[in-house]
Amino acid sequence: MSDAQTGLTLATPIIIGFAIALYRMGVLQRTGVALAVFSSLVIATSLFLTQ
């Protein structure tokens, strides 16, 4: 696993965690959280597979 792939596997859960934390604080709506989680997973998957 390259350094970029390691970074992606570490950064994606952090982004998802922040989205959930912002939802619990009332900053994000449910659709915003769903979009953030879905987008981060799609981007991380595509970058992981192209590295």
N, C-alpha and C. Protein backbone atom coordinates (compact mmCIF):
# COMPACT_ATOMS: atom_id res chain seq x y z
N MET A 1 0.86 -1.17 0.00
CA MET A 1 0.00 0.00 0.00
C MET A 1 0.90 1.23 0.00
N SER A 2 0.61 2.16 -0.90
CA SER A 2 1.43 3.37 -1.00
C SER A 2 1.05 4.38 0.08
N ASP A 3 1.85 5.43 0.18
CA ASP A 3 1.58 6.47 1.17
C ASP A 3 0.25 7.16 0.89
N ALA A 4 -0.07 7.36 -0.38
CA ALA A 4 -1.32 8.02 -0.74
C ALA A 4 -2.52 7.17 -0.34
N GLN A 5 -2.42 5.88 -0.53
CA GLN A 5 -3.52 4.99 -0.16
C GLN A 5 -3.68 4.93 1.36
N THR A 6 -2.58 4.96 2.07
CA THR A 6 -2.65 4.98 3.53
C THR A 6 -3.32 6.27 4.00
N GLY A 7 -2.97 7.37 3.38
CA GLY A 7 -3.59 8.65 3.73
C GLY A 7 -5.08 8.64 3.46
N LEU A 8 -5.48 8.04 2.35
CA LEU A 8 -6.91 7.96 2.04
C LEU A 8 -7.66 7.11 3.05
N THR A 9 -7.06 6.01 3.48
CA THR A 9 -7.74 5.16 4.45
C THR A 9 -7.82 5.81 5.82
N LEU A 10 -6.94 6.75 6.10
CA LEU A 10 -7.01 7.47 7.37
C LEU A 10 -7.92 8.70 7.28
N ALA A 11 -7.91 9.38 6.16
CA ALA A 11 -8.66 10.63 6.03
C ALA A 11 -10.16 10.41 5.87
N THR A 12 -10.55 9.37 5.17
CA THR A 12 -11.97 9.14 4.90
C THR A 12 -12.79 8.94 6.18
N PRO A 13 -12.36 8.08 7.11
CA PRO A 13 -13.15 7.97 8.35
C PRO A 13 -13.18 9.24 9.17
N ILE A 14 -12.11 10.03 9.10
CA ILE A 14 -12.10 11.30 9.82
C ILE A 14 -13.14 12.25 9.24
N ILE A 15 -13.22 12.32 7.92
CA ILE A 15 -14.23 13.17 7.27
C ILE A 15 -15.63 12.72 7.65
N ILE A 16 -15.86 11.42 7.64
CA ILE A 16 -17.18 10.89 8.00
C ILE A 16 -17.48 11.20 9.46
N GLY A 17 -16.49 11.06 10.32
CA GLY A 17 -16.68 11.38 11.74
C GLY A 17 -17.03 12.84 11.96
N PHE A 18 -16.36 13.74 11.25
CA PHE A 18 -16.68 15.16 11.35
C PHE A 18 -18.10 15.45 10.87
N ALA A 19 -18.51 14.80 9.80
CA ALA A 19 -19.87 15.01 9.29
C ALA A 19 -20.91 14.57 10.31
N ILE A 20 -20.67 13.44 10.95
CA ILE A 20 -21.60 12.95 11.97
C ILE A 20 -21.60 13.87 13.19
N ALA A 21 -20.42 14.34 13.58
CA ALA A 21 -20.34 15.27 14.71
C ALA A 21 -21.07 16.57 14.41
N LEU A 22 -20.92 17.09 13.20
CA LEU A 22 -21.63 18.31 12.82
C LEU A 22 -23.14 18.10 12.79
N TYR A 23 -23.57 16.90 12.40
CA TYR A 23 -25.00 16.59 12.41
C TYR A 23 -25.53 16.57 13.85
N ARG A 24 -24.78 15.98 14.75
CA ARG A 24 -25.21 15.91 16.15
C ARG A 24 -25.25 17.29 16.80
N MET A 25 -24.37 18.19 16.35
CA MET A 25 -24.38 19.55 16.90
C MET A 25 -25.45 20.41 16.25
N GLY A 26 -26.09 19.91 15.21
CA GLY A 26 -27.16 20.65 14.56
C GLY A 26 -26.70 21.55 13.44
N VAL A 27 -25.46 21.42 13.02
CA VAL A 27 -24.93 22.27 11.96
C VAL A 27 -25.34 21.76 10.58
N LEU A 28 -25.31 20.44 10.42
CA LEU A 28 -25.67 19.83 9.13
C LEU A 28 -27.01 19.13 9.23
N GLN A 29 -27.72 19.12 8.11
CA GLN A 29 -28.95 18.36 8.04
C GLN A 29 -28.63 16.94 7.60
N ARG A 30 -29.60 16.07 7.68
CA ARG A 30 -29.40 14.66 7.34
C ARG A 30 -28.95 14.48 5.90
N THR A 31 -29.51 15.26 4.98
CA THR A 31 -29.11 15.13 3.58
C THR A 31 -27.67 15.59 3.37
N GLY A 32 -27.24 16.59 4.12
CA GLY A 32 -25.86 17.06 4.03
C GLY A 32 -24.88 16.01 4.51
N VAL A 33 -25.24 15.33 5.59
CA VAL A 33 -24.39 14.26 6.10
C VAL A 33 -24.32 13.12 5.10
N ALA A 34 -25.47 12.74 4.56
CA ALA A 34 -25.50 11.65 3.59
C ALA A 34 -24.66 12.00 2.36
N LEU A 35 -24.77 13.23 1.90
CA LEU A 35 -23.99 13.65 0.74
C LEU A 35 -22.50 13.67 1.05
N ALA A 36 -22.13 14.15 2.23
CA ALA A 36 -20.71 14.19 2.61
C ALA A 36 -20.13 12.78 2.72
N VAL A 37 -20.88 11.87 3.33
CA VAL A 37 -20.40 10.50 3.48
C VAL A 37 -20.30 9.83 2.12
N PHE A 38 -21.32 9.95 1.31
CA PHE A 38 -21.32 9.32 0.00
C PHE A 38 -20.20 9.87 -0.87
N SER A 39 -20.05 11.19 -0.89
CA SER A 39 -19.01 11.82 -1.71
C SER A 39 -17.62 11.40 -1.27
N SER A 40 -17.38 11.40 0.03
CA SER A 40 -16.05 11.03 0.50
C SER A 40 -15.74 9.57 0.19
N LEU A 41 -16.72 8.70 0.29
CA LEU A 41 -16.50 7.29 -0.04
C LEU A 41 -16.22 7.09 -1.53
N VAL A 42 -16.98 7.79 -2.38
CA VAL A 42 -16.77 7.67 -3.82
C VAL A 42 -15.41 8.21 -4.23
N ILE A 43 -15.05 9.36 -3.71
CA ILE A 43 -13.76 9.97 -4.05
C ILE A 43 -12.61 9.11 -3.54
N ALA A 44 -12.71 8.65 -2.30
CA ALA A 44 -11.64 7.82 -1.74
C ALA A 44 -11.50 6.51 -2.51
N THR A 45 -12.61 5.91 -2.89
CA THR A 45 -12.55 4.65 -3.64
C THR A 45 -11.90 4.86 -5.01
N SER A 46 -12.32 5.91 -5.70
CA SER A 46 -11.76 6.15 -7.03
C SER A 46 -10.27 6.49 -6.95
N LEU A 47 -9.87 7.29 -5.98
CA LEU A 47 -8.46 7.63 -5.84
C LEU A 47 -7.65 6.42 -5.38
N PHE A 48 -8.23 5.61 -4.50
CA PHE A 48 -7.52 4.44 -4.01
C PHE A 48 -7.24 3.46 -5.13
N LEU A 49 -8.21 3.28 -6.00
CA LEU A 49 -8.05 2.30 -7.08
C LEU A 49 -7.16 2.80 -8.21
N THR A 50 -7.02 4.12 -8.35
CA THR A 50 -6.18 4.65 -9.43
C THR A 50 -4.74 4.87 -8.98
N GLN A 51 -4.44 4.73 -7.73
CA GLN A 51 -3.06 4.94 -7.23
C GLN A 51 -2.19 3.79 -7.61
